[in-house]
Amino acid sequence: MVAAGFTPMEMIVAATRDSAQILKLDQLGMVATGKSADFIVLEANPLDNIANVRKINRVYLRGQKSIARMRASGSQWTAKAQL
C-alpha cells in the first residue's frame, strides 16, 4: 500500500481501524477502553520505514503478554499465552 502512495500511518490505519470498521468488528482495530487489546510491540518505528512492522519484539493477546515464535517457513507466527 505504501508503494501505491499511502503514507506508513495511512497504511497502518487502513490495516487496523478501517478494516475492523468495514467488517463491523467493533471490539477490534485500535487500542482503547472497552476494546480487545491485541497488539504488537516493534523494535523500530514503522513510520520511519514500513518494513519495520516485521521487527516484532512482543505480542499481546487480549492484553496479556504472549510468547511468539516464527514457524520454520518464516511466514507465520504462532503465539501461546505466557504462564
PDB file of N, CA and C in Angstrom:
ATOM      1  N   MET A   1       0.815  -1.192   0.000  1.00  0.00           N
ATOM      2  CA  MET A   1       0.000   0.000   0.000  1.00  0.00           C
ATOM      3  C   MET A   1       0.861   1.259   0.000  1.00  0.00           C
ATOM      4  N   VAL A   2       2.007   1.202   0.672  1.00  0.00           N
ATOM      5  CA  VAL A   2       2.899   2.359   0.669  1.00  0.00           C
ATOM      6  C   VAL A   2       3.412   2.595  -0.743  1.00  0.00           C
ATOM      7  N   ALA A   3       3.692   1.512  -1.467  1.00  0.00           N
ATOM      8  CA  ALA A   3       4.146   1.650  -2.849  1.00  0.00           C
ATOM      9  C   ALA A   3       3.080   2.293  -3.730  1.00  0.00           C
ATOM     10  N   ALA A   4       1.814   2.200  -3.323  1.00  0.00           N
ATOM     11  CA  ALA A   4       0.708   2.787  -4.083  1.00  0.00           C
ATOM     12  C   ALA A   4       0.459   4.242  -3.711  1.00  0.00           C
ATOM     13  N   GLY A   5       1.262   4.788  -2.773  1.00  0.00           N
ATOM     14  CA  GLY A   5       1.123   6.195  -2.433  1.00  0.00           C
ATOM     15  C   GLY A   5       0.609   6.498  -1.037  1.00  0.00           C
ATOM     16  N   PHE A   6       0.248   5.483  -0.272  1.00  0.00           N
ATOM     17  CA  PHE A   6      -0.176   5.693   1.115  1.00  0.00           C
ATOM     18  C   PHE A   6       1.048   6.032   1.967  1.00  0.00           C
ATOM     19  N   THR A   7       0.857   6.859   2.977  1.00  0.00           N
ATOM     20  CA  THR A   7       1.925   7.057   3.959  1.00  0.00           C
ATOM     21  C   THR A   7       1.935   5.834   4.872  1.00  0.00           C
ATOM     22  N   PRO A   8       3.024   5.602   5.602  1.00  0.00           N
ATOM     23  CA  PRO A   8       3.013   4.488   6.548  1.00  0.00           C
ATOM     24  C   PRO A   8       1.864   4.590   7.554  1.00  0.00           C
ATOM     25  N   MET A   9       1.562   5.782   8.050  1.00  0.00           N
ATOM     26  CA  MET A   9       0.457   5.932   9.005  1.00  0.00           C
ATOM     27  C   MET A   9      -0.877   5.573   8.360  1.00  0.00           C
ATOM     28  N   GLU A  10      -1.121   6.028   7.140  1.00  0.00           N
ATOM     29  CA  GLU A  10      -2.368   5.694   6.440  1.00  0.00           C
ATOM     30  C   GLU A  10      -2.493   4.185   6.232  1.00  0.00           C
ATOM     31  N   MET A  11      -1.380   3.529   5.939  1.00  0.00           N
ATOM     32  CA  MET A  11      -1.400   2.088   5.734  1.00  0.00           C
ATOM     33  C   MET A  11      -1.724   1.346   7.027  1.00  0.00           C
ATOM     34  N   ILE A  12      -1.135   1.775   8.138  1.00  0.00           N
ATOM     35  CA  ILE A  12      -1.398   1.134   9.430  1.00  0.00           C
ATOM     36  C   ILE A  12      -2.856   1.315   9.838  1.00  0.00           C
ATOM     37  N   VAL A  13      -3.385   2.515   9.659  1.00  0.00           N
ATOM     38  CA  VAL A  13      -4.795   2.784   9.997  1.00  0.00           C
ATOM     39  C   VAL A  13      -5.722   1.955   9.101  1.00  0.00           C
ATOM     40  N   ALA A  14      -5.405   1.873   7.809  1.00  0.00           N
ATOM     41  CA  ALA A  14      -6.231   1.084   6.890  1.00  0.00           C
ATOM     42  C   ALA A  14      -6.210  -0.401   7.256  1.00  0.00           C
ATOM     43  N   ALA A  15      -5.058  -0.892   7.701  1.00  0.00           N
ATOM     44  CA  ALA A  15      -4.925  -2.312   8.028  1.00  0.00           C
ATOM     45  C   ALA A  15      -5.537  -2.674   9.373  1.00  0.00           C
ATOM     46  N   THR A  16      -5.756  -1.693  10.228  1.00  0.00           N
ATOM     47  CA  THR A  16      -6.265  -1.975  11.573  1.00  0.00           C
ATOM     48  C   THR A  16      -7.656  -1.394  11.765  1.00  0.00           C
ATOM     49  N   ARG A  17      -7.736  -0.118  12.088  1.00  0.00           N
ATOM     50  CA  ARG A  17      -9.017   0.518  12.416  1.00  0.00           C
ATOM     51  C   ARG A  17     -10.018   0.446  11.264  1.00  0.00           C
ATOM     52  N   ASP A  18      -9.588   0.860  10.074  1.00  0.00           N
ATOM     53  CA  ASP A  18     -10.528   0.891   8.948  1.00  0.00           C
ATOM     54  C   ASP A  18     -11.036  -0.503   8.580  1.00  0.00           C
ATOM     55  N   SER A  19     -10.148  -1.496   8.612  1.00  0.00           N
ATOM     56  CA  SER A  19     -10.563  -2.872   8.303  1.00  0.00           C
ATOM     57  C   SER A  19     -11.581  -3.377   9.315  1.00  0.00           C
ATOM     58  N   ALA A  20     -11.348  -3.101  10.600  1.00  0.00           N
ATOM     59  CA  ALA A  20     -12.296  -3.521  11.638  1.00  0.00           C
ATOM     60  C   ALA A  20     -13.649  -2.846  11.443  1.00  0.00           C
ATOM     61  N   GLN A  21     -13.641  -1.565  11.084  1.00  0.00           N
ATOM     62  CA  GLN A  21     -14.900  -0.846  10.859  1.00  0.00           C
ATOM     63  C   GLN A  21     -15.665  -1.422   9.674  1.00  0.00           C
ATOM     64  N   ILE A  22     -14.968  -1.699   8.586  1.00  0.00           N
ATOM     65  CA  ILE A  22     -15.611  -2.263   7.394  1.00  0.00           C
ATOM     66  C   ILE A  22     -16.257  -3.612   7.714  1.00  0.00           C
ATOM     67  N   LEU A  23     -15.566  -4.417   8.521  1.00  0.00           N
ATOM     68  CA  LEU A  23     -16.065  -5.739   8.881  1.00  0.00           C
ATOM     69  C   LEU A  23     -17.030  -5.711  10.068  1.00  0.00           C
ATOM     70  N   LYS A  24     -17.295  -4.509  10.584  1.00  0.00           N
ATOM     71  CA  LYS A  24     -18.202  -4.312  11.723  1.00  0.00           C
ATOM     72  C   LYS A  24     -17.747  -5.097  12.957  1.00  0.00           C
ATOM     73  N   LEU A  25     -16.432  -5.088  13.184  1.00  0.00           N
ATOM     74  CA  LEU A  25     -15.842  -5.733  14.355  1.00  0.00           C
ATOM     75  C   LEU A  25     -15.535  -4.635  15.369  1.00  0.00           C
ATOM     76  N   ASP A  26     -16.560  -4.231  16.109  1.00  0.00           N
ATOM     77  CA  ASP A  26     -16.487  -3.073  16.981  1.00  0.00           C
ATOM     78  C   ASP A  26     -15.453  -3.186  18.099  1.00  0.00           C
ATOM     79  N   GLN A  27     -15.098  -4.399  18.506  1.00  0.00           N
ATOM     80  CA  GLN A  27     -14.149  -4.571  19.609  1.00  0.00           C
ATOM     81  C   GLN A  27     -12.701  -4.616  19.134  1.00  0.00           C
ATOM     82  N   LEU A  28     -12.470  -4.486  17.836  1.00  0.00           N
ATOM     83  CA  LEU A  28     -11.126  -4.608  17.265  1.00  0.00           C
ATOM     84  C   LEU A  28     -10.723  -3.341  16.532  1.00  0.00           C
ATOM     85  N   GLY A  29      -9.448  -3.253  16.183  1.00  0.00           N
ATOM     86  CA  GLY A  29      -8.989  -2.205  15.288  1.00  0.00           C
ATOM     87  C   GLY A  29      -8.180  -1.098  15.915  1.00  0.00           C
ATOM     88  N   MET A  30      -8.268  -0.913  17.221  1.00  0.00           N
ATOM     89  CA  MET A  30      -7.459   0.096  17.890  1.00  0.00           C
ATOM     90  C   MET A  30      -7.394  -0.205  19.383  1.00  0.00           C
ATOM     91  N   VAL A  31      -6.396   0.371  20.015  1.00  0.00           N
ATOM     92  CA  VAL A  31      -6.260   0.208  21.463  1.00  0.00           C
ATOM     93  C   VAL A  31      -7.068   1.314  22.125  1.00  0.00           C
ATOM     94  N   ALA A  32      -8.105   0.923  22.847  1.00  0.00           N
ATOM     95  CA  ALA A  32      -8.978   1.881  23.527  1.00  0.00           C
ATOM     96  C   ALA A  32      -9.753   1.157  24.617  1.00  0.00           C
ATOM     97  N   THR A  33     -10.253   1.902  25.591  1.00  0.00           N
ATOM     98  CA  THR A  33     -11.053   1.335  26.670  1.00  0.00           C
ATOM     99  C   THR A  33     -12.224   0.556  26.100  1.00  0.00           C
ATOM    100  N   GLY A  34     -12.418  -0.666  26.585  1.00  0.00           N
ATOM    101  CA  GLY A  34     -13.544  -1.491  26.162  1.00  0.00           C
ATOM    102  C   GLY A  34     -13.286  -2.311  24.910  1.00  0.00           C
ATOM    103  N   LYS A  35     -12.108  -2.192  24.313  1.00  0.00           N
ATOM    104  CA  LYS A  35     -11.799  -2.967  23.112  1.00  0.00           C
ATOM    105  C   LYS A  35     -10.864  -4.117  23.471  1.00  0.00           C
ATOM    106  N   SER A  36     -10.841  -5.132  22.632  1.00  0.00           N
ATOM    107  CA  SER A  36      -9.930  -6.254  22.820  1.00  0.00           C
ATOM    108  C   SER A  36      -8.517  -5.791  22.505  1.00  0.00           C
ATOM    109  N   ALA A  37      -7.599  -5.958  23.452  1.00  0.00           N
ATOM    110  CA  ALA A  37      -6.250  -5.407  23.302  1.00  0.00           C
ATOM    111  C   ALA A  37      -5.283  -6.433  22.724  1.00  0.00           C
ATOM    112  N   ASP A  38      -5.386  -6.678  21.440  1.00  0.00           N
ATOM    113  CA  ASP A  38      -4.396  -7.477  20.723  1.00  0.00           C
ATOM    114  C   ASP A  38      -3.496  -6.497  19.990  1.00  0.00           C
ATOM    115  N   PHE A  39      -2.198  -6.544  20.282  1.00  0.00           N
ATOM    116  CA  PHE A  39      -1.282  -5.625  19.606  1.00  0.00           C
ATOM    117  C   PHE A  39       0.135  -6.164  19.666  1.00  0.00           C
ATOM    118  N   ILE A  40       1.012  -5.542  18.878  1.00  0.00           N
ATOM    119  CA  ILE A  40       2.421  -5.923  18.855  1.00  0.00           C
ATOM    120  C   ILE A  40       3.269  -4.725  19.260  1.00  0.00           C
ATOM    121  N   VAL A  41       4.448  -5.031  19.816  1.00  0.00           N
ATOM    122  CA  VAL A  41       5.447  -4.013  20.129  1.00  0.00           C
ATOM    123  C   VAL A  41       6.591  -4.253  19.148  1.00  0.00           C
ATOM    124  N   LEU A  42       6.977  -3.211  18.446  1.00  0.00           N
ATOM    125  CA  LEU A  42       8.007  -3.339  17.416  1.00  0.00           C
ATOM    126  C   LEU A  42       9.370  -2.875  17.915  1.00  0.00           C
ATOM    127  N   GLU A  43      10.418  -3.357  17.265  1.00  0.00           N
ATOM    128  CA  GLU A  43      11.795  -2.956  17.571  1.00  0.00           C
ATOM    129  C   GLU A  43      12.126  -1.585  17.002  1.00  0.00           C
ATOM    130  N   ALA A  44      11.428  -1.165  15.968  1.00  0.00           N
ATOM    131  CA  ALA A  44      11.725   0.092  15.286  1.00  0.00           C
ATOM    132  C   ALA A  44      10.425   0.734  14.816  1.00  0.00           C
ATOM    133  N   ASN A  45      10.473   2.022  14.573  1.00  0.00           N
ATOM    134  CA  ASN A  45       9.291   2.800  14.223  1.00  0.00           C
ATOM    135  C   ASN A  45       8.839   2.528  12.783  1.00  0.00           C
ATOM    136  N   PRO A  46       7.615   2.024  12.589  1.00  0.00           N
ATOM    137  CA  PRO A  46       7.132   1.766  11.233  1.00  0.00           C
ATOM    138  C   PRO A  46       6.827   3.053  10.464  1.00  0.00           C
ATOM    139  N   LEU A  47       6.735   4.185  11.147  1.00  0.00           N
ATOM    140  CA  LEU A  47       6.526   5.449  10.443  1.00  0.00           C
ATOM    141  C   LEU A  47       7.801   5.912   9.759  1.00  0.00           C
ATOM    142  N   ASP A  48       8.952   5.449  10.250  1.00  0.00           N
ATOM    143  CA  ASP A  48      10.230   5.750   9.597  1.00  0.00           C
ATOM    144  C   ASP A  48      10.433   4.880   8.369  1.00  0.00           C
ATOM    145  N   ASN A  49      10.030   3.608   8.487  1.00  0.00           N
ATOM    146  CA  ASN A  49      10.163   2.658   7.390  1.00  0.00           C
ATOM    147  C   ASN A  49       9.120   1.573   7.617  1.00  0.00           C
ATOM    148  N   ILE A  50       8.175   1.433   6.705  1.00  0.00           N
ATOM    149  CA  ILE A  50       7.071   0.492   6.897  1.00  0.00           C
ATOM    150  C   ILE A  50       7.565  -0.948   7.040  1.00  0.00           C
ATOM    151  N   ALA A  51       8.741  -1.258   6.532  1.00  0.00           N
ATOM    152  CA  ALA A  51       9.305  -2.607   6.685  1.00  0.00           C
ATOM    153  C   ALA A  51       9.565  -2.932   8.156  1.00  0.00           C
ATOM    154  N   ASN A  52       9.597  -1.928   9.018  1.00  0.00           N
ATOM    155  CA  ASN A  52       9.812  -2.157  10.447  1.00  0.00           C
ATOM    156  C   ASN A  52       8.665  -2.917  11.105  1.00  0.00           C
ATOM    157  N   VAL A  53       7.515  -3.050  10.433  1.00  0.00           N
ATOM    158  CA  VAL A  53       6.422  -3.843  11.015  1.00  0.00           C
ATOM    159  C   VAL A  53       6.817  -5.310  11.140  1.00  0.00           C
ATOM    160  N   ARG A  54       7.865  -5.712  10.477  1.00  0.00           N
ATOM    161  CA  ARG A  54       8.350  -7.093  10.565  1.00  0.00           C
ATOM    162  C   ARG A  54       9.287  -7.302  11.754  1.00  0.00           C
ATOM    163  N   LYS A  55       9.692  -6.239  12.401  1.00  0.00           N
ATOM    164  CA  LYS A  55      10.630  -6.318  13.532  1.00  0.00           C
ATOM    165  C   LYS A  55       9.846  -6.376  14.841  1.00  0.00           C
ATOM    166  N   ILE A  56       9.242  -7.512  15.083  1.00  0.00           N
ATOM    167  CA  ILE A  56       8.349  -7.679  16.229  1.00  0.00           C
ATOM    168  C   ILE A  56       9.150  -8.043  17.477  1.00  0.00           C
ATOM    169  N   ASN A  57       8.927  -7.289  18.550  1.00  0.00           N
ATOM    170  CA  ASN A  57       9.581  -7.526  19.824  1.00  0.00           C
ATOM    171  C   ASN A  57       8.705  -8.355  20.747  1.00  0.00           C
ATOM    172  N   ARG A  58       7.422  -7.974  20.871  1.00  0.00           N
ATOM    173  CA  ARG A  58       6.483  -8.663  21.758  1.00  0.00           C
ATOM    174  C   ARG A  58       5.100  -8.688  21.120  1.00  0.00           C
ATOM    175  N   VAL A  59       4.327  -9.678  21.540  1.00  0.00           N
ATOM    176  CA  VAL A  59       2.948  -9.832  21.088  1.00  0.00           C
ATOM    177  C   VAL A  59       2.051  -9.865  22.317  1.00  0.00           C
ATOM    178  N   TYR A  60       0.960  -9.119  22.284  1.00  0.00           N
ATOM    179  CA  TYR A  60      -0.031  -9.120  23.361  1.00  0.00           C
ATOM    180  C   TYR A  60      -1.363  -9.577  22.790  1.00  0.00           C
ATOM    181  N   LEU A  61      -1.960 -10.565  23.427  1.00  0.00           N
ATOM    182  CA  LEU A  61      -3.266 -11.075  23.024  1.00  0.00           C
ATOM    183  C   LEU A  61      -4.230 -10.871  24.180  1.00  0.00           C
ATOM    184  N   ARG A  62      -5.333 -10.177  23.897  1.00  0.00           N
ATOM    185  CA  ARG A  62      -6.319  -9.828  24.927  1.00  0.00           C
ATOM    186  C   ARG A  62      -5.660  -9.153  26.124  1.00  0.00           C
ATOM    187  N   GLY A  63      -4.645  -8.343  25.858  1.00  0.00           N
ATOM    188  CA  GLY A  63      -3.966  -7.581  26.895  1.00  0.00           C
ATOM    189  C   GLY A  63      -2.910  -8.342  27.663  1.00  0.00           C
ATOM    190  N   GLN A  64      -2.699  -9.611  27.332  1.00  0.00           N
ATOM    191  CA  GLN A  64      -1.716 -10.437  28.035  1.00  0.00           C
ATOM    192  C   GLN A  64      -0.488 -10.662  27.160  1.00  0.00           C
ATOM    193  N   LYS A  65       0.691 -10.496  27.762  1.00  0.00           N
ATOM    194  CA  LYS A  65       1.928 -10.746  27.029  1.00  0.00           C
ATOM    195  C   LYS A  65       1.958 -12.209  26.601  1.00  0.00           C
ATOM    196  N   SER A  66       2.320 -12.460  25.369  1.00  0.00           N
ATOM    197  CA  SER A  66       2.368 -13.807  24.820  1.00  0.00           C
ATOM    198  C   SER A  66       3.781 -14.140  24.376  1.00  0.00           C
ATOM    199  N   ILE A  67       4.031 -15.411  24.256  1.00  0.00           N
ATOM    200  CA  ILE A  67       5.289 -15.877  23.686  1.00  0.00           C
ATOM    201  C   ILE A  67       5.002 -16.135  22.215  1.00  0.00           C
ATOM    202  N   ALA A  68       5.748 -15.498  21.346  1.00  0.00           N
ATOM    203  CA  ALA A  68       5.517 -15.660  19.907  1.00  0.00           C
ATOM    204  C   ALA A  68       6.777 -16.217  19.260  1.00  0.00           C
ATOM    205  N   ARG A  69       6.596 -17.107  18.341  1.00  0.00           N
ATOM    206  CA  ARG A  69       7.722 -17.697  17.618  1.00  0.00           C
ATOM    207  C   ARG A  69       7.372 -17.784  16.136  1.00  0.00           C
ATOM    208  N   MET A  70       8.376 -17.550  15.304  1.00  0.00           N
ATOM    209  CA  MET A  70       8.175 -17.736  13.875  1.00  0.00           C
ATOM    210  C   MET A  70       8.203 -19.228  13.571  1.00  0.00           C
ATOM    211  N   ARG A  71       7.321 -19.656  12.695  1.00  0.00           N
ATOM    212  CA  ARG A  71       7.378 -21.039  12.228  1.00  0.00           C
ATOM    213  C   ARG A  71       8.588 -21.187  11.312  1.00  0.00           C
ATOM    214  N   ALA A  72       8.961 -22.390  11.009  1.00  0.00           N
ATOM    215  CA  ALA A  72      10.131 -22.649  10.180  1.00  0.00           C
ATOM    216  C   ALA A  72      10.040 -21.959   8.826  1.00  0.00           C
ATOM    217  N   SER A  73       8.832 -21.821   8.290  1.00  0.00           N
ATOM    218  CA  SER A  73       8.661 -21.189   6.985  1.00  0.00           C
ATOM    219  C   SER A  73       8.971 -19.697   7.046  1.00  0.00           C
ATOM    220  N   GLY A  74       8.927 -19.127   8.248  1.00  0.00           N
ATOM    221  CA  GLY A  74       9.193 -17.709   8.396  1.00  0.00           C
ATOM    222  C   GLY A  74       8.026 -16.829   7.994  1.00  0.00           C
ATOM    223  N   SER A  75       6.918 -17.420   7.606  1.00  0.00           N
ATOM    224  CA  SER A  75       5.819 -16.612   7.109  1.00  0.00           C
ATOM    225  C   SER A  75       4.639 -16.517   8.066  1.00  0.00           C
ATOM    226  N   GLN A  76       4.629 -17.330   9.120  1.00  0.00           N
ATOM    227  CA  GLN A  76       3.504 -17.309  10.041  1.00  0.00           C
ATOM    228  C   GLN A  76       4.001 -17.278  11.473  1.00  0.00           C
ATOM    229  N   TRP A  77       3.238 -16.597  12.315  1.00  0.00           N
ATOM    230  CA  TRP A  77       3.544 -16.545  13.743  1.00  0.00           C
ATOM    231  C   TRP A  77       2.656 -17.526  14.478  1.00  0.00           C
ATOM    232  N   THR A  78       3.189 -18.101  15.534  1.00  0.00           N
ATOM    233  CA  THR A  78       2.373 -18.860  16.456  1.00  0.00           C
ATOM    234  C   THR A  78       2.523 -18.166  17.803  1.00  0.00           C
ATOM    235  N   ALA A  79       1.479 -18.114  18.562  1.00  0.00           N
ATOM    236  CA  ALA A  79       1.542 -17.447  19.859  1.00  0.00           C
ATOM    237  C   ALA A  79       0.916 -18.325  20.918  1.00  0.00           C
ATOM    238  N   LYS A  80       1.489 -18.276  22.111  1.00  0.00           N
ATOM    239  CA  LYS A  80       0.984 -19.036  23.236  1.00  0.00           C
ATOM    240  C   LYS A  80       1.017 -18.097  24.445  1.00  0.00           C
ATOM    241  N   ALA A  81      -0.042 -18.049  25.202  1.00  0.00           N
ATOM    242  CA  ALA A  81      -0.082 -17.183  26.371  1.00  0.00           C
ATOM    243  C   ALA A  81       1.037 -17.551  27.328  1.00  0.00           C
ATOM    244  N   GLN A  82       1.727 -16.533  27.817  1.00  0.00           N
ATOM    245  CA  GLN A  82       2.807 -16.754  28.769  1.00  0.00           C
ATOM    246  C   GLN A  82       2.224 -17.101  30.125  1.00  0.00           C
ATOM    247  N   LEU A  83       2.714 -18.145  30.747  1.00  0.00           N
ATOM    248  CA  LEU A  83       2.228 -18.586  32.050  1.00  0.00           C
ATOM    249  C   LEU A  83       3.070 -18.020  33.150  1.00  0.00           C
TER     250      LEU A  83
END
